Amino acid sequence: MAKTQLGARVDEDVAELARKRAADLGLSVGDYLARLVQDDASGLRARAVDAAARFLAEHQAIFDEAEVDGHRPDSSRGARAA
């Protein structure tokens, strides 16, 4: 497939994030950006966000309960007498 060079101006912090994320994925910045655009154009990203939102909506009570339980003092974890 033929390649076309694009030029874009972004804030330095955005450019650095793109460089780091591309490196984390073992991609060039160009390939990383191409993947982002393809995911966005195909609707993959939107479907993933929608699926995550549905999952959280369906199971929010479980997460809320776990959060409350995680902050509740556990009597078995207190100071112990020697």
C-alpha atoms as a PDB file:
ATOM      1  CA  MET A   1       0.000   0.000   0.000  1.00  0.00           C
ATOM      2  CA  ALA A   2       1.311   3.446  -0.886  1.00  0.00           C
ATOM      3  CA  LYS A   3       2.224   5.724   1.978  1.00  0.00           C
ATOM      4  CA  THR A   4       1.377   9.418   2.258  1.00  0.00           C
ATOM      5  CA  GLN A   5       3.126  11.748   4.630  1.00  0.00           C
ATOM      6  CA  LEU A   6       0.920  13.913   6.815  1.00  0.00           C
ATOM      7  CA  GLY A   7       1.933  16.900   8.868  1.00  0.00           C
ATOM      8  CA  ALA A   8       0.166  17.787  12.073  1.00  0.00           C
ATOM      9  CA  ARG A   9       0.903  20.226  14.857  1.00  0.00           C
ATOM     10  CA  VAL A  10       0.142  19.006  18.349  1.00  0.00           C
ATOM     11  CA  ASP A  11       1.138  20.137  21.808  1.00  0.00           C
ATOM     12  CA  GLU A  12       4.490  18.763  22.943  1.00  0.00           C
ATOM     13  CA  ASP A  13       2.869  16.742  25.728  1.00  0.00           C
ATOM     14  CA  VAL A  14       0.569  15.050  23.198  1.00  0.00           C
ATOM     15  CA  ALA A  15       3.518  14.315  20.917  1.00  0.00           C
ATOM     16  CA  GLU A  16       5.452  12.792  23.822  1.00  0.00           C
ATOM     17  CA  LEU A  17       2.466  10.649  24.817  1.00  0.00           C
ATOM     18  CA  ALA A  18       2.176   9.425  21.225  1.00  0.00           C
ATOM     19  CA  ARG A  19       5.880   8.559  21.120  1.00  0.00           C
ATOM     20  CA  LYS A  20       5.746   6.697  24.431  1.00  0.00           C
ATOM     21  CA  ARG A  21       2.565   4.792  23.623  1.00  0.00           C
ATOM     22  CA  ALA A  22       3.855   3.826  20.180  1.00  0.00           C
ATOM     23  CA  ALA A  23       7.090   2.578  21.741  1.00  0.00           C
ATOM     24  CA  ASP A  24       5.126   0.598  24.351  1.00  0.00           C
ATOM     25  CA  LEU A  25       3.285  -1.130  21.510  1.00  0.00           C
ATOM     26  CA  GLY A  26       6.426  -1.642  19.418  1.00  0.00           C
ATOM     27  CA  LEU A  27       5.100   0.631  16.673  1.00  0.00           C
ATOM     28  CA  SER A  28       6.361   3.692  14.894  1.00  0.00           C
ATOM     29  CA  VAL A  29       4.411   6.862  15.659  1.00  0.00           C
ATOM     30  CA  GLY A  30       3.005   6.746  12.121  1.00  0.00           C
ATOM     31  CA  ASP A  31       1.785   3.165  12.533  1.00  0.00           C
ATOM     32  CA  TYR A  32       0.349   4.013  15.951  1.00  0.00           C
ATOM     33  CA  LEU A  33      -1.584   6.966  14.537  1.00  0.00           C
ATOM     34  CA  ALA A  34      -2.784   4.842  11.620  1.00  0.00           C
ATOM     35  CA  ARG A  35      -4.093   2.248  14.082  1.00  0.00           C
ATOM     36  CA  LEU A  36      -5.907   4.923  16.093  1.00  0.00           C
ATOM     37  CA  VAL A  37      -7.547   6.334  12.966  1.00  0.00           C
ATOM     38  CA  GLN A  38      -8.549   2.886  11.687  1.00  0.00           C
ATOM     39  CA  ASP A  39     -10.013   1.909  15.060  1.00  0.00           C
ATOM     40  CA  ASP A  40     -11.930   5.183  15.211  1.00  0.00           C
ATOM     41  CA  ALA A  41     -13.185   5.000  11.619  1.00  0.00           C
ATOM     42  CA  SER A  42     -14.250   1.373  11.924  1.00  0.00           C
ATOM     43  CA  GLY A  43     -16.214   2.126  15.076  1.00  0.00           C
ATOM     44  CA  LEU A  44     -14.095  -0.337  17.074  1.00  0.00           C
ATOM     45  CA  ARG A  45     -13.202   2.249  19.691  1.00  0.00           C
ATOM     46  CA  ALA A  46     -16.825   3.388  20.092  1.00  0.00           C
ATOM     47  CA  ARG A  47     -18.048  -0.200  20.402  1.00  0.00           C
ATOM     48  CA  ALA A  48     -15.432  -0.948  23.048  1.00  0.00           C
ATOM     49  CA  VAL A  49     -16.386   2.140  25.074  1.00  0.00           C
ATOM     50  CA  ASP A  50     -20.092   1.259  24.760  1.00  0.00           C
ATOM     51  CA  ALA A  51     -19.436  -2.321  25.877  1.00  0.00           C
ATOM     52  CA  ALA A  52     -17.452  -1.116  28.885  1.00  0.00           C
ATOM     53  CA  ALA A  53     -20.219   1.331  29.822  1.00  0.00           C
ATOM     54  CA  ARG A  54     -22.859  -1.424  29.588  1.00  0.00           C
ATOM     55  CA  PHE A  55     -20.731  -3.760  31.690  1.00  0.00           C
ATOM     56  CA  LEU A  56     -20.260  -1.133  34.382  1.00  0.00           C
ATOM     57  CA  ALA A  57     -23.949  -0.226  34.353  1.00  0.00           C
ATOM     58  CA  GLU A  58     -24.945  -3.877  34.757  1.00  0.00           C
ATOM     59  CA  HIS A  59     -22.456  -4.583  37.525  1.00  0.00           C
ATOM     60  CA  GLN A  60     -22.123  -1.224  39.278  1.00  0.00           C
ATOM     61  CA  ALA A  61     -23.689  -2.540  42.498  1.00  0.00           C
ATOM     62  CA  ILE A  62     -20.988  -5.215  42.766  1.00  0.00           C
ATOM     63  CA  PHE A  63     -18.239  -2.622  42.317  1.00  0.00           C
ATOM     64  CA  ASP A  64     -19.878  -0.311  44.840  1.00  0.00           C
ATOM     65  CA  GLU A  65     -20.131  -3.136  47.371  1.00  0.00           C
ATOM     66  CA  ALA A  66     -16.509  -4.159  46.843  1.00  0.00           C
ATOM     67  CA  GLU A  67     -15.382  -0.574  47.305  1.00  0.00           C
ATOM     68  CA  VAL A  68     -17.297  -0.255  50.566  1.00  0.00           C
ATOM     69  CA  ASP A  69     -15.983  -3.621  51.789  1.00  0.00           C
ATOM     70  CA  GLY A  70     -12.451  -2.591  50.895  1.00  0.00           C
ATOM     71  CA  HIS A  71     -12.721   0.451  53.166  1.00  0.00           C
ATOM     72  CA  ARG A  72     -14.434  -1.340  56.036  1.00  0.00           C
ATOM     73  CA  PRO A  73     -12.078  -2.211  58.890  1.00  0.00           C
ATOM     74  CA  ASP A  74     -11.564  -5.952  59.129  1.00  0.00           C
ATOM     75  CA  SER A  75     -11.536  -7.116  62.734  1.00  0.00           C
ATOM     76  CA  SER A  76      -9.105  -9.908  61.842  1.00  0.00           C
ATOM     77  CA  ARG A  77      -6.495  -7.397  60.656  1.00  0.00           C
ATOM     78  CA  GLY A  78      -6.153  -5.363  63.846  1.00  0.00           C
ATOM     79  CA  ALA A  79      -3.346  -5.351  66.352  1.00  0.00           C
ATOM     80  CA  ARG A  80      -2.740  -8.721  67.922  1.00  0.00           C
ATOM     81  CA  ALA A  81      -1.764  -9.457  71.461  1.00  0.00           C
ATOM     82  CA  ALA A  82       1.514 -11.300  71.824  1.00  0.00           C
END
